[in-house]
Amino acid sequence: MRAISYTRATDVPGAVAAVTNDPGSSFLAGGTTEVDLLRLDVLRPNRLVDINRLPLADIEDRADGGLVIGALARMSEVAQAPGVVERYPMLSQSLLLGASAQLRHMASMGGNLMQRVRCSYYRDPESACNKRVPGSGCSALEGVHRGHAILGTSEHCIATHPSDMAVALVALDAVVQVEGVKGTRTIPVDDFFLLPDDTPEREHPLTPGELITAIEVPPLPMARRSLYLKVRDRESYEFALASAAVALALEDGVIRGVRLALGGVATKPWRAHRAEETLLGQPADEDMFARAAAAELAPAVTRPMNAFKAELARRTVVRALRTAVALRGET
């Protein structure tokens, strides 16, 4: 048994300084993933800095219609917040579909952004995993990879990003606020998640000791009729095989605005830029939806066990777009 020290932070600068000055330490919020990885001996911090008493749990409605969500706001609180339910239903739905009720009550918004992959090889200290031990190899390439990614992969890692909430945030162009010893900075959420390339161990552009303090969600009128569609093996507490966050703006049956992001199929929450470009200015019909889905999945790299994901993702995109049109009262 390894000894781990524990510190409870009382303010943000103190928390940042504690982790910055001790590279072997890490922040502890809800702990719904971190504690599991400690028990598995996957994470081996020398010290845990508990940040749960920091004043970072507010959910603020902005005058311009946007939101500022504190990093320590719990998933269940955000999912039920009136401003989220009314103005960003895709975010509310992604939170409700993202975990069991018990986990939603514990898990924080910032922790959800920082959660680690569910790849079984990453979670097995005896298996080769470049995320856990850089340069050791990727067991999933020739192993069991049914749930692994088909977009954004590299020869070093094909682990799927697990978050549902982050998919909605990417579609909404959210911004992550972080605090470090050099002050405050903001990171567009799409840039907050890094592709594995040849450094899969680096998942975020954070410097040691930087702490997520809030998530800014800009106003987006068309998000009021948005949705999050999740396809999985079972309807209760399961990770996505494919998912889609969608918002549409329509005018006389023509798509004037679109936001689309995919989950369950990529190494990061996947903004579907190719599909969006295909759809803009085009009629909102099944043919265009299928063409957009095909364009987005064209670069997919599949393997024997996860080849089904390409077609599943295409169908998920089409179904989500069809449902978004129905939500807007147009056919």
C-alpha atoms as a PDB file:
ATOM      1  CA  MET A   1       0.000   0.000   0.000  1.00  0.00           C
ATOM      2  CA  ARG A   2       1.323   3.423  -0.976  1.00  0.00           C
ATOM      3  CA  ALA A   3       1.009   6.410   1.333  1.00  0.00           C
ATOM      4  CA  ILE A   4      -0.740   9.449  -0.181  1.00  0.00           C
ATOM      5  CA  SER A   5      -0.889  12.789   1.627  1.00  0.00           C
ATOM      6  CA  TYR A   6      -4.029  14.916   1.608  1.00  0.00           C
ATOM      7  CA  THR A   7      -4.526  18.682   1.696  1.00  0.00           C
ATOM      8  CA  ARG A   8      -7.760  20.668   1.682  1.00  0.00           C
ATOM      9  CA  ALA A   9      -7.477  23.929  -0.256  1.00  0.00           C
ATOM     10  CA  THR A  10      -9.291  27.009   1.047  1.00  0.00           C
ATOM     11  CA  ASP A  11      -8.809  29.336  -1.932  1.00  0.00           C
ATOM     12  CA  VAL A  12      -7.951  29.098  -5.621  1.00  0.00           C
ATOM     13  CA  PRO A  13      -4.437  30.638  -5.400  1.00  0.00           C
ATOM     14  CA  GLY A  14      -3.583  28.247  -2.584  1.00  0.00           C
ATOM     15  CA  ALA A  15      -4.815  25.232  -4.544  1.00  0.00           C
ATOM     16  CA  VAL A  16      -2.878  26.288  -7.627  1.00  0.00           C
ATOM     17  CA  ALA A  17       0.297  26.909  -5.632  1.00  0.00           C
ATOM     18  CA  ALA A  18       0.020  23.555  -3.856  1.00  0.00           C
ATOM     19  CA  VAL A  19      -0.076  21.544  -7.086  1.00  0.00           C
ATOM     20  CA  THR A  20       2.369  23.776  -8.964  1.00  0.00           C
ATOM     21  CA  ASN A  21       4.994  23.431  -6.230  1.00  0.00           C
ATOM     22  CA  ASP A  22       4.544  19.673  -5.969  1.00  0.00           C
ATOM     23  CA  PRO A  23       4.462  18.083  -9.460  1.00  0.00           C
ATOM     24  CA  GLY A  24       3.526  14.741  -7.921  1.00  0.00           C
ATOM     25  CA  SER A  25       0.223  16.071  -6.578  1.00  0.00           C
ATOM     26  CA  SER A  26      -3.177  16.406  -8.221  1.00  0.00           C
ATOM     27  CA  PHE A  27      -6.518  18.121  -7.637  1.00  0.00           C
ATOM     28  CA  LEU A  28      -9.422  16.171  -6.142  1.00  0.00           C
ATOM     29  CA  ALA A  29     -13.030  17.197  -6.826  1.00  0.00           C
ATOM     30  CA  GLY A  30     -15.856  14.642  -7.027  1.00  0.00           C
ATOM     31  CA  GLY A  31     -13.336  11.836  -7.451  1.00  0.00           C
ATOM     32  CA  THR A  32     -15.741   9.620  -9.396  1.00  0.00           C
ATOM     33  CA  THR A  33     -13.001   8.641 -11.865  1.00  0.00           C
ATOM     34  CA  GLU A  34      -9.844   9.604 -10.011  1.00  0.00           C
ATOM     35  CA  VAL A  35     -10.474   7.401  -6.979  1.00  0.00           C
ATOM     36  CA  ASP A  36     -11.101   4.391  -9.239  1.00  0.00           C
ATOM     37  CA  LEU A  37      -7.785   4.950 -11.000  1.00  0.00           C
ATOM     38  CA  LEU A  38      -5.978   5.314  -7.686  1.00  0.00           C
ATOM     39  CA  ARG A  39      -7.348   1.955  -6.583  1.00  0.00           C
ATOM     40  CA  LEU A  40      -6.250   0.378  -9.856  1.00  0.00           C
ATOM     41  CA  ASP A  41      -2.744   1.839  -9.404  1.00  0.00           C
ATOM     42  CA  VAL A  42      -3.077   3.643 -12.733  1.00  0.00           C
ATOM     43  CA  LEU A  43      -2.691   7.082 -11.147  1.00  0.00           C
ATOM     44  CA  ARG A  44       0.042   7.421  -8.536  1.00  0.00           C
ATOM     45  CA  PRO A  45      -0.014  10.946  -7.051  1.00  0.00           C
ATOM     46  CA  ASN A  46       1.998  11.724  -3.943  1.00  0.00           C
ATOM     47  CA  ARG A  47      -0.657  14.108  -2.665  1.00  0.00           C
ATOM     48  CA  LEU A  48      -4.301  14.954  -3.297  1.00  0.00           C
ATOM     49  CA  VAL A  49      -5.359  18.595  -3.036  1.00  0.00           C
ATOM     50  CA  ASP A  50      -9.077  18.662  -2.227  1.00  0.00           C
ATOM     51  CA  ILE A  51     -10.732  21.619  -3.955  1.00  0.00           C
ATOM     52  CA  ASN A  52     -14.342  20.913  -3.022  1.00  0.00           C
ATOM     53  CA  ARG A  53     -14.609  23.876  -0.636  1.00  0.00           C
ATOM     54  CA  LEU A  54     -13.542  26.428  -3.236  1.00  0.00           C
ATOM     55  CA  PRO A  55     -16.254  28.909  -4.319  1.00  0.00           C
ATOM     56  CA  LEU A  56     -16.539  27.519  -7.852  1.00  0.00           C
ATOM     57  CA  ALA A  57     -20.010  25.958  -7.903  1.00  0.00           C
ATOM     58  CA  ASP A  58     -22.214  28.808  -9.140  1.00  0.00           C
ATOM     59  CA  ILE A  59     -24.326  28.662 -12.295  1.00  0.00           C
ATOM     60  CA  GLU A  60     -24.660  32.231 -13.561  1.00  0.00           C
ATOM     61  CA  ASP A  61     -27.126  33.439 -16.192  1.00  0.00           C
ATOM     62  CA  ARG A  62     -25.586  36.220 -18.223  1.00  0.00           C
ATOM     63  CA  ALA A  63     -27.490  39.256 -19.459  1.00  0.00           C
ATOM     64  CA  ASP A  64     -26.616  38.374 -23.060  1.00  0.00           C
ATOM     65  CA  GLY A  65     -28.261  34.959 -22.718  1.00  0.00           C
ATOM     66  CA  GLY A  66     -25.095  32.990 -22.093  1.00  0.00           C
ATOM     67  CA  LEU A  67     -24.008  31.037 -19.033  1.00  0.00           C
ATOM     68  CA  VAL A  68     -21.025  30.791 -16.744  1.00  0.00           C
ATOM     69  CA  ILE A  69     -20.844  27.429 -15.013  1.00  0.00           C
ATOM     70  CA  GLY A  70     -18.492  26.979 -12.071  1.00  0.00           C
ATOM     71  CA  ALA A  71     -16.043  24.107 -12.379  1.00  0.00           C
ATOM     72  CA  LEU A  72     -17.324  22.570  -9.120  1.00  0.00           C
ATOM     73  CA  ALA A  73     -21.001  22.718 -10.069  1.00  0.00           C
ATOM     74  CA  ARG A  74     -22.278  19.146  -9.985  1.00  0.00           C
ATOM     75  CA  MET A  75     -23.560  17.522 -13.141  1.00  0.00           C
ATOM     76  CA  SER A  76     -27.018  16.994 -11.626  1.00  0.00           C
ATOM     77  CA  GLU A  77     -27.322  20.663 -10.656  1.00  0.00           C
ATOM     78  CA  VAL A  78     -26.347  21.909 -14.106  1.00  0.00           C
ATOM     79  CA  ALA A  79     -28.647  19.445 -15.872  1.00  0.00           C
ATOM     80  CA  GLN A  80     -31.630  20.824 -13.942  1.00  0.00           C
ATOM     81  CA  ALA A  81     -30.727  24.519 -13.992  1.00  0.00           C
ATOM     82  CA  PRO A  82     -33.543  26.461 -15.725  1.00  0.00           C
ATOM     83  CA  GLY A  83     -31.127  28.404 -17.932  1.00  0.00           C
ATOM     84  CA  VAL A  84     -29.586  25.170 -19.190  1.00  0.00           C
ATOM     85  CA  VAL A  85     -32.880  23.337 -19.717  1.00  0.00           C
ATOM     86  CA  GLU A  86     -34.468  26.276 -21.555  1.00  0.00           C
ATOM     87  CA  ARG A  87     -31.581  27.638 -23.601  1.00  0.00           C
ATOM     88  CA  TYR A  88     -29.244  24.647 -24.000  1.00  0.00           C
ATOM     89  CA  PRO A  89     -31.287  21.418 -23.905  1.00  0.00           C
ATOM     90  CA  MET A  90     -28.484  19.501 -25.644  1.00  0.00           C
ATOM     91  CA  LEU A  91     -26.273  20.207 -22.623  1.00  0.00           C
ATOM     92  CA  SER A  92     -28.946  19.190 -20.124  1.00  0.00           C
ATOM     93  CA  GLN A  93     -29.654  15.979 -22.036  1.00  0.00           C
ATOM     94  CA  SER A  94     -25.976  15.087 -22.358  1.00  0.00           C
ATOM     95  CA  LEU A  95     -25.527  15.461 -18.601  1.00  0.00           C
ATOM     96  CA  LEU A  96     -28.559  13.329 -17.789  1.00  0.00           C
ATOM     97  CA  LEU A  97     -27.421  10.624 -20.200  1.00  0.00           C
ATOM     98  CA  GLY A  98     -23.812  10.782 -19.088  1.00  0.00           C
ATOM     99  CA  ALA A  99     -23.927   8.912 -15.780  1.00  0.00           C
ATOM    100  CA  SER A 100     -26.124   7.353 -13.134  1.00  0.00           C
ATOM    101  CA  ALA A 101     -27.967   9.657 -10.724  1.00  0.00           C
ATOM    102  CA  GLN A 102     -25.530   8.828  -7.930  1.00  0.00           C
ATOM    103  CA  LEU A 103     -22.508   9.777 -10.034  1.00  0.00           C
ATOM    104  CA  ARG A 104     -24.186  12.937 -11.359  1.00  0.00           C
ATOM    105  CA  HIS A 105     -24.659  14.130  -7.769  1.00  0.00           C
ATOM    106  CA  MET A 106     -20.929  13.739  -7.096  1.00  0.00           C
ATOM    107  CA  ALA A 107     -19.205  14.487 -10.400  1.00  0.00           C
ATOM    108  CA  SER A 108     -18.163  18.066 -11.120  1.00  0.00           C
ATOM    109  CA  MET A 109     -18.231  19.875 -14.448  1.00  0.00           C
ATOM    110  CA  GLY A 110     -14.496  20.513 -14.396  1.00  0.00           C
ATOM    111  CA  GLY A 111     -13.803  16.922 -13.435  1.00  0.00           C
ATOM    112  CA  ASN A 112     -15.920  15.693 -16.333  1.00  0.00           C
ATOM    113  CA  LEU A 113     -13.714  17.646 -18.739  1.00  0.00           C
ATOM    114  CA  MET A 114     -10.614  16.091 -17.170  1.00  0.00           C
ATOM    115  CA  GLN A 115     -11.839  12.492 -16.948  1.00  0.00           C
ATOM    116  CA  ARG A 116      -9.573   9.817 -18.329  1.00  0.00           C
ATOM    117  CA  VAL A 117     -10.388   7.305 -21.044  1.00  0.00           C
ATOM    118  CA  ARG A 118     -12.258   4.073 -20.329  1.00  0.00           C
ATOM    119  CA  CYS A 119      -9.939   1.938 -22.475  1.00  0.00           C
ATOM    120  CA  SER A 120      -9.454  -1.313 -20.563  1.00  0.00           C
ATOM    121  CA  TYR A 121      -5.765  -1.387 -21.516  1.00  0.00           C
ATOM    122  CA  TYR A 122      -5.209   2.056 -20.024  1.00  0.00           C
ATOM    123  CA  ARG A 123      -6.854   0.837 -16.817  1.00  0.00           C
ATOM    124  CA  ASP A 124      -4.737  -2.318 -16.627  1.00  0.00           C
ATOM    125  CA  PRO A 125      -1.233  -1.543 -15.343  1.00  0.00           C
ATOM    126  CA  GLU A 126       0.044  -4.788 -16.878  1.00  0.00           C
ATOM    127  CA  SER A 127      -0.972  -3.841 -20.444  1.00  0.00           C
ATOM    128  CA  ALA A 128       0.992  -1.693 -22.860  1.00  0.00           C
ATOM    129  CA  CYS A 129      -0.537   1.786 -23.068  1.00  0.00           C
ATOM    130  CA  ASN A 130       1.098   4.901 -24.438  1.00  0.00           C
ATOM    131  CA  LYS A 131      -1.218   7.144 -22.418  1.00  0.00           C
ATOM    132  CA  ARG A 132      -0.119   5.552 -19.164  1.00  0.00           C
ATOM    133  CA  VAL A 133       3.495   4.746 -20.050  1.00  0.00           C
ATOM    134  CA  PRO A 134       4.647   6.718 -23.118  1.00  0.00           C
ATOM    135  CA  GLY A 135       6.496   4.549 -25.600  1.00  0.00           C
ATOM    136  CA  SER A 136       5.189   1.249 -24.226  1.00  0.00           C
ATOM    137  CA  GLY A 137       2.825   0.625 -27.141  1.00  0.00           C
ATOM    138  CA  CYS A 138      -0.931   0.412 -27.638  1.00  0.00           C
ATOM    139  CA  SER A 139      -2.479  -2.956 -26.811  1.00  0.00           C
ATOM    140  CA  ALA A 140      -5.811  -1.928 -28.301  1.00  0.00           C
ATOM    141  CA  LEU A 141      -4.444  -1.832 -31.865  1.00  0.00           C
ATOM    142  CA  GLU A 142      -4.307  -5.626 -32.031  1.00  0.00           C
ATOM    143  CA  GLY A 143      -6.517  -6.343 -29.024  1.00  0.00           C
ATOM    144  CA  VAL A 144     -10.171  -5.840 -28.143  1.00  0.00           C
ATOM    145  CA  HIS A 145     -11.153  -2.504 -29.669  1.00  0.00           C
ATOM    146  CA  ARG A 146     -14.911  -2.684 -30.281  1.00  0.00           C
ATOM    147  CA  GLY A 147     -15.548   0.531 -28.354  1.00  0.00           C
ATOM    148  CA  HIS A 148     -12.522   2.411 -29.620  1.00  0.00           C
ATOM    149  CA  ALA A 149     -12.286   5.459 -31.851  1.00  0.00           C
ATOM    150  CA  ILE A 150     -12.424   5.696 -35.632  1.00  0.00           C
ATOM    151  CA  LEU A 151     -11.777   9.453 -35.929  1.00  0.00           C
ATOM    152  CA  GLY A 152      -8.741  11.369 -34.722  1.00  0.00           C
ATOM    153  CA  THR A 153      -6.705   8.247 -34.061  1.00  0.00           C
ATOM    154  CA  SER A 154      -2.971   7.668 -34.415  1.00  0.00           C
ATOM    155  CA  GLU A 155      -0.667   4.658 -34.456  1.00  0.00           C
ATOM    156  CA  HIS A 156      -0.017   5.404 -30.782  1.00  0.00           C
ATOM    157  CA  CYS A 157      -3.582   5.538 -29.425  1.00  0.00           C
ATOM    158  CA  ILE A 158      -7.173   4.794 -30.474  1.00  0.00           C
ATOM    159  CA  ALA A 159      -8.928   5.342 -27.135  1.00  0.00           C
ATOM    160  CA  THR A 160     -12.357   6.950 -27.373  1.00  0.00           C
ATOM    161  CA  HIS A 161     -13.026  10.090 -25.378  1.00  0.00           C
ATOM    162  CA  PRO A 162     -15.762   9.148 -22.880  1.00  0.00           C
ATOM    163  CA  SER A 163     -17.536  12.415 -22.068  1.00  0.00           C
ATOM    164  CA  ASP A 164     -21.078  13.170 -23.237  1.00  0.00           C
ATOM    165  CA  MET A 165     -21.196  16.655 -21.753  1.00  0.00           C
ATOM    166  CA  ALA A 166     -18.044  17.712 -23.586  1.00  0.00           C
ATOM    167  CA  VAL A 167     -19.653  16.828 -26.935  1.00  0.00           C
ATOM    168  CA  ALA A 168     -22.448  19.316 -26.271  1.00  0.00           C
ATOM    169  CA  LEU A 169     -19.980  21.962 -25.080  1.00  0.00           C
ATOM    170  CA  VAL A 170     -17.929  21.584 -28.258  1.00  0.00           C
ATOM    171  CA  ALA A 171     -21.067  22.067 -30.360  1.00  0.00           C
ATOM    172  CA  LEU A 172     -21.897  25.181 -28.328  1.00  0.00           C
ATOM    173  CA  ASP A 173     -18.417  26.747 -28.737  1.00  0.00           C
ATOM    174  CA  ALA A 174     -17.935  26.871 -24.973  1.00  0.00           C
ATOM    175  CA  VAL A 175     -14.784  28.307 -23.432  1.00  0.00           C
ATOM    176  CA  VAL A 176     -12.838  26.900 -20.473  1.00  0.00           C
ATOM    177  CA  GLN A 177     -11.471  29.299 -17.851  1.00  0.00           C
ATOM    178  CA  VAL A 178      -8.298  28.178 -16.079  1.00  0.00           C
ATOM    179  CA  GLU A 179      -6.239  29.695 -13.299  1.00  0.00           C
ATOM    180  CA  GLY A 180      -2.503  29.206 -12.897  1.00  0.00           C
ATOM    181  CA  VAL A 181       0.454  30.843 -11.211  1.00  0.00           C
ATOM    182  CA  LYS A 182       0.708  33.205 -14.193  1.00  0.00           C
ATOM    183  CA  GLY A 183      -2.916  34.268 -13.908  1.00  0.00           C
ATOM    184  CA  THR A 184      -6.181  33.506 -15.704  1.00  0.00           C
ATOM    185  CA  ARG A 185      -6.562  32.414 -19.302  1.00  0.00           C
ATOM    186  CA  THR A 186      -9.311  31.005 -21.492  1.00  0.00           C
ATOM    187  CA  ILE A 187      -9.201  28.043 -23.865  1.00  0.00           C
ATOM    188  CA  PRO A 188     -11.871  27.274 -26.498  1.00  0.00           C
ATOM    189  CA  VAL A 189     -13.246  23.893 -25.494  1.00  0.00           C
ATOM    190  CA  ASP A 190     -12.473  22.365 -28.898  1.00  0.00           C
ATOM    191  CA  ASP A 191      -8.811  23.259 -28.299  1.00  0.00           C
ATOM    192  CA  PHE A 192      -8.937  21.989 -24.726  1.00  0.00           C
ATOM    193  CA  PHE A 193      -8.906  18.387 -25.984  1.00  0.00           C
ATOM    194  CA  LEU A 194      -5.790  17.315 -27.878  1.00  0.00           C
ATOM    195  CA  LEU A 195      -5.515  14.630 -30.524  1.00  0.00           C
ATOM    196  CA  PRO A 196      -3.198  11.764 -29.526  1.00  0.00           C
ATOM    197  CA  ASP A 197      -0.777  12.076 -32.463  1.00  0.00           C
ATOM    198  CA  ASP A 198       2.590  10.904 -31.086  1.00  0.00           C
ATOM    199  CA  THR A 199       1.975  12.228 -27.540  1.00  0.00           C
ATOM    200  CA  PRO A 200      -1.213  10.487 -26.357  1.00  0.00           C
ATOM    201  CA  GLU A 201      -0.217  10.990 -22.713  1.00  0.00           C
ATOM    202  CA  ARG A 202      -0.917  14.725 -23.158  1.00  0.00           C
ATOM    203  CA  GLU A 203      -4.678  15.177 -23.356  1.00  0.00           C
ATOM    204  CA  HIS A 204      -5.034  18.887 -22.501  1.00  0.00           C
ATOM    205  CA  PRO A 205      -2.967  22.065 -23.065  1.00  0.00           C
ATOM    206  CA  LEU A 206      -2.690  22.760 -19.330  1.00  0.00           C
ATOM    207  CA  THR A 207       0.535  23.600 -17.560  1.00  0.00           C
ATOM    208  CA  PRO A 208       1.278  21.906 -14.207  1.00  0.00           C
ATOM    209  CA  GLY A 209      -0.921  23.360 -11.479  1.00  0.00           C
ATOM    210  CA  GLU A 210      -3.459  25.050 -13.734  1.00  0.00           C
ATOM    211  CA  LEU A 211      -7.001  24.629 -12.420  1.00  0.00           C
ATOM    212  CA  ILE A 212     -10.275  24.812 -14.319  1.00  0.00           C
ATOM    213  CA  THR A 213     -12.412  27.467 -12.614  1.00  0.00           C
ATOM    214  CA  ALA A 214     -15.393  27.881 -14.948  1.00  0.00           C
ATOM    215  CA  ILE A 215     -16.978  27.047 -18.284  1.00  0.00           C
ATOM    216  CA  GLU A 216     -18.424  29.882 -20.376  1.00  0.00           C
ATOM    217  CA  VAL A 217     -21.275  29.016 -22.739  1.00  0.00           C
ATOM    218  CA  PRO A 218     -21.979  31.825 -25.244  1.00  0.00           C
ATOM    219  CA  PRO A 219     -25.521  32.751 -26.281  1.00  0.00           C
ATOM    220  CA  LEU A 220     -26.865  30.707 -29.180  1.00  0.00           C
ATOM    221  CA  PRO A 221     -30.571  31.245 -29.965  1.00  0.00           C
ATOM    222  CA  MET A 222     -30.862  28.142 -32.161  1.00  0.00           C
ATOM    223  CA  ALA A 223     -29.704  25.983 -29.240  1.00  0.00           C
ATOM    224  CA  ARG A 224     -33.144  26.373 -27.642  1.00  0.00           C
ATOM    225  CA  ARG A 225     -34.336  23.591 -29.971  1.00  0.00           C
ATOM    226  CA  SER A 226     -31.201  21.492 -29.750  1.00  0.00           C
ATOM    227  CA  LEU A 227     -30.795  17.858 -28.737  1.00  0.00           C
ATOM    228  CA  TYR A 228     -28.296  15.215 -27.714  1.00  0.00           C
ATOM    229  CA  LEU A 229     -28.764  11.731 -29.156  1.00  0.00           C
ATOM    230  CA  LYS A 230     -26.836   8.855 -27.589  1.00  0.00           C
ATOM    231  CA  VAL A 231     -26.659   5.326 -28.995  1.00  0.00           C
ATOM    232  CA  ARG A 232     -25.287   2.634 -26.681  1.00  0.00           C
ATOM    233  CA  ASP A 233     -25.479  -1.058 -25.935  1.00  0.00           C
ATOM    234  CA  ARG A 234     -28.010  -0.516 -23.164  1.00  0.00           C
ATOM    235  CA  GLU A 235     -30.102   2.430 -22.019  1.00  0.00           C
ATOM    236  CA  SER A 236     -28.817   2.508 -18.449  1.00  0.00           C
ATOM    237  CA  TYR A 237     -25.387   3.818 -17.448  1.00  0.00           C
ATOM    238  CA  GLU A 238     -23.359   2.973 -20.519  1.00  0.00           C
ATOM    239  CA  PHE A 239     -20.859   4.853 -22.657  1.00  0.00           C
ATOM    240  CA  ALA A 240     -21.775   5.913 -26.183  1.00  0.00           C
ATOM    241  CA  LEU A 241     -21.033   3.825 -29.231  1.00  0.00           C
ATOM    242  CA  ALA A 242     -22.032   6.932 -31.185  1.00  0.00           C
ATOM    243  CA  SER A 243     -23.683  10.188 -30.197  1.00  0.00           C
ATOM    244  CA  ALA A 244     -24.546  13.544 -31.717  1.00  0.00           C
ATOM    245  CA  ALA A 245     -25.241  17.022 -30.352  1.00  0.00           C
ATOM    246  CA  VAL A 246     -27.244  19.070 -32.869  1.00  0.00           C
ATOM    247  CA  ALA A 247     -28.716  22.557 -33.188  1.00  0.00           C
ATOM    248  CA  LEU A 248     -30.253  23.937 -36.378  1.00  0.00           C
ATOM    249  CA  ALA A 249     -31.484  27.298 -37.626  1.00  0.00           C
ATOM    250  CA  LEU A 250     -33.957  26.917 -40.506  1.00  0.00           C
ATOM    251  CA  GLU A 251     -35.576  29.383 -42.878  1.00  0.00           C
ATOM    252  CA  ASP A 252     -38.206  28.108 -45.305  1.00  0.00           C
ATOM    253  CA  GLY A 253     -36.775  24.621 -45.070  1.00  0.00           C
ATOM    254  CA  VAL A 254     -33.190  25.777 -45.726  1.00  0.00           C
ATOM    255  CA  ILE A 255     -30.418  25.352 -43.161  1.00  0.00           C
ATOM    256  CA  ARG A 256     -29.100  28.802 -42.217  1.00  0.00           C
ATOM    257  CA  GLY A 257     -27.151  27.712 -39.160  1.00  0.00           C
ATOM    258  CA  VAL A 258     -25.946  24.405 -37.787  1.00  0.00           C
ATOM    259  CA  ARG A 259     -23.922  23.079 -34.884  1.00  0.00           C
ATOM    260  CA  LEU A 260     -22.989  19.406 -34.867  1.00  0.00           C
ATOM    261  CA  ALA A 261     -20.586  17.432 -32.710  1.00  0.00           C
ATOM    262  CA  LEU A 262     -20.043  13.690 -32.330  1.00  0.00           C
ATOM    263  CA  GLY A 263     -19.209  11.490 -29.370  1.00  0.00           C
ATOM    264  CA  GLY A 264     -18.309   7.850 -28.915  1.00  0.00           C
ATOM    265  CA  VAL A 265     -16.381   7.650 -32.189  1.00  0.00           C
ATOM    266  CA  ALA A 266     -13.336   9.891 -31.760  1.00  0.00           C
ATOM    267  CA  THR A 267     -10.317  10.412 -29.553  1.00  0.00           C
ATOM    268  CA  LYS A 268     -11.755  13.786 -28.496  1.00  0.00           C
ATOM    269  CA  PRO A 269     -15.222  15.363 -28.574  1.00  0.00           C
ATOM    270  CA  TRP A 270     -15.540  15.735 -32.327  1.00  0.00           C
ATOM    271  CA  ARG A 271     -16.789  18.936 -33.931  1.00  0.00           C
ATOM    272  CA  ALA A 272     -18.268  17.879 -37.257  1.00  0.00           C
ATOM    273  CA  HIS A 273     -16.937  20.731 -39.399  1.00  0.00           C
ATOM    274  CA  ARG A 274     -17.208  18.818 -42.678  1.00  0.00           C
ATOM    275  CA  ALA A 275     -20.851  18.007 -42.038  1.00  0.00           C
ATOM    276  CA  GLU A 276     -21.631  21.591 -41.028  1.00  0.00           C
ATOM    277  CA  GLU A 277     -20.054  22.958 -44.205  1.00  0.00           C
ATOM    278  CA  THR A 278     -22.001  20.442 -46.287  1.00  0.00           C
ATOM    279  CA  LEU A 279     -25.325  21.407 -44.679  1.00  0.00           C
ATOM    280  CA  LEU A 280     -25.137  25.212 -44.665  1.00  0.00           C
ATOM    281  CA  GLY A 281     -27.425  26.777 -47.233  1.00  0.00           C
ATOM    282  CA  GLN A 282     -28.888  23.424 -48.238  1.00  0.00           C
ATOM    283  CA  PRO A 283     -32.400  21.994 -47.867  1.00  0.00           C
ATOM    284  CA  ALA A 284     -33.091  20.203 -44.600  1.00  0.00           C
ATOM    285  CA  ASP A 285     -33.882  16.815 -46.086  1.00  0.00           C
ATOM    286  CA  GLU A 286     -32.774  13.210 -45.702  1.00  0.00           C
ATOM    287  CA  ASP A 287     -30.520  13.286 -48.740  1.00  0.00           C
ATOM    288  CA  MET A 288     -28.534  16.242 -47.439  1.00  0.00           C
ATOM    289  CA  PHE A 289     -28.341  14.714 -43.982  1.00  0.00           C
ATOM    290  CA  ALA A 290     -26.911  11.513 -45.432  1.00  0.00           C
ATOM    291  CA  ARG A 291     -24.404  13.440 -47.562  1.00  0.00           C
ATOM    292  CA  ALA A 292     -23.257  15.457 -44.557  1.00  0.00           C
ATOM    293  CA  ALA A 293     -22.860  12.349 -42.416  1.00  0.00           C
ATOM    294  CA  ALA A 294     -20.897  10.607 -45.154  1.00  0.00           C
ATOM    295  CA  ALA A 295     -18.592  13.612 -45.536  1.00  0.00           C
ATOM    296  CA  GLU A 296     -17.832  13.667 -41.815  1.00  0.00           C
ATOM    297  CA  LEU A 297     -17.138   9.946 -41.574  1.00  0.00           C
ATOM    298  CA  ALA A 298     -15.096   9.748 -44.780  1.00  0.00           C
ATOM    299  CA  PRO A 299     -11.721   9.998 -42.947  1.00  0.00           C
ATOM    300  CA  ALA A 300     -12.668   7.272 -40.453  1.00  0.00           C
ATOM    301  CA  VAL A 301     -10.025   4.614 -39.819  1.00  0.00           C
ATOM    302  CA  THR A 302     -11.735   1.406 -38.760  1.00  0.00           C
ATOM    303  CA  ARG A 303     -10.494  -1.920 -37.456  1.00  0.00           C
ATOM    304  CA  PRO A 304     -12.157  -5.339 -37.494  1.00  0.00           C
ATOM    305  CA  MET A 305     -14.076  -4.963 -34.226  1.00  0.00           C
ATOM    306  CA  ASN A 306     -15.157  -1.332 -34.553  1.00  0.00           C
ATOM    307  CA  ALA A 307     -15.885  -1.104 -38.285  1.00  0.00           C
ATOM    308  CA  PHE A 308     -19.615  -1.011 -37.488  1.00  0.00           C
ATOM    309  CA  LYS A 309     -19.144   2.388 -35.872  1.00  0.00           C
ATOM    310  CA  ALA A 310     -18.791   4.217 -39.186  1.00  0.00           C
ATOM    311  CA  GLU A 311     -22.269   3.231 -40.343  1.00  0.00           C
ATOM    312  CA  LEU A 312     -23.705   3.634 -36.858  1.00  0.00           C
ATOM    313  CA  ALA A 313     -22.312   7.160 -36.625  1.00  0.00           C
ATOM    314  CA  ARG A 314     -23.716   8.056 -40.044  1.00  0.00           C
ATOM    315  CA  ARG A 315     -27.167   6.845 -39.019  1.00  0.00           C
ATOM    316  CA  THR A 316     -26.899   8.646 -35.690  1.00  0.00           C
ATOM    317  CA  VAL A 317     -26.130  11.940 -37.440  1.00  0.00           C
ATOM    318  CA  VAL A 318     -29.049  11.540 -39.855  1.00  0.00           C
ATOM    319  CA  ARG A 319     -31.463  10.647 -37.062  1.00  0.00           C
ATOM    320  CA  ALA A 320     -30.302  13.555 -34.899  1.00  0.00           C
ATOM    321  CA  LEU A 321     -30.678  16.050 -37.745  1.00  0.00           C
ATOM    322  CA  ARG A 322     -34.116  14.669 -38.610  1.00  0.00           C
ATOM    323  CA  THR A 323     -35.178  15.038 -34.974  1.00  0.00           C
ATOM    324  CA  ALA A 324     -33.794  18.579 -34.799  1.00  0.00           C
ATOM    325  CA  VAL A 325     -35.922  19.559 -37.790  1.00  0.00           C
ATOM    326  CA  ALA A 326     -39.008  18.098 -36.117  1.00  0.00           C
ATOM    327  CA  LEU A 327     -38.247  20.056 -32.935  1.00  0.00           C
ATOM    328  CA  ARG A 328     -38.389  23.241 -34.974  1.00  0.00           C
ATOM    329  CA  GLY A 329     -41.802  22.305 -36.339  1.00  0.00           C
ATOM    330  CA  GLU A 330     -40.640  21.872 -39.941  1.00  0.00           C
ATOM    331  CA  THR A 331     -40.671  18.730 -42.104  1.00  0.00           C
END
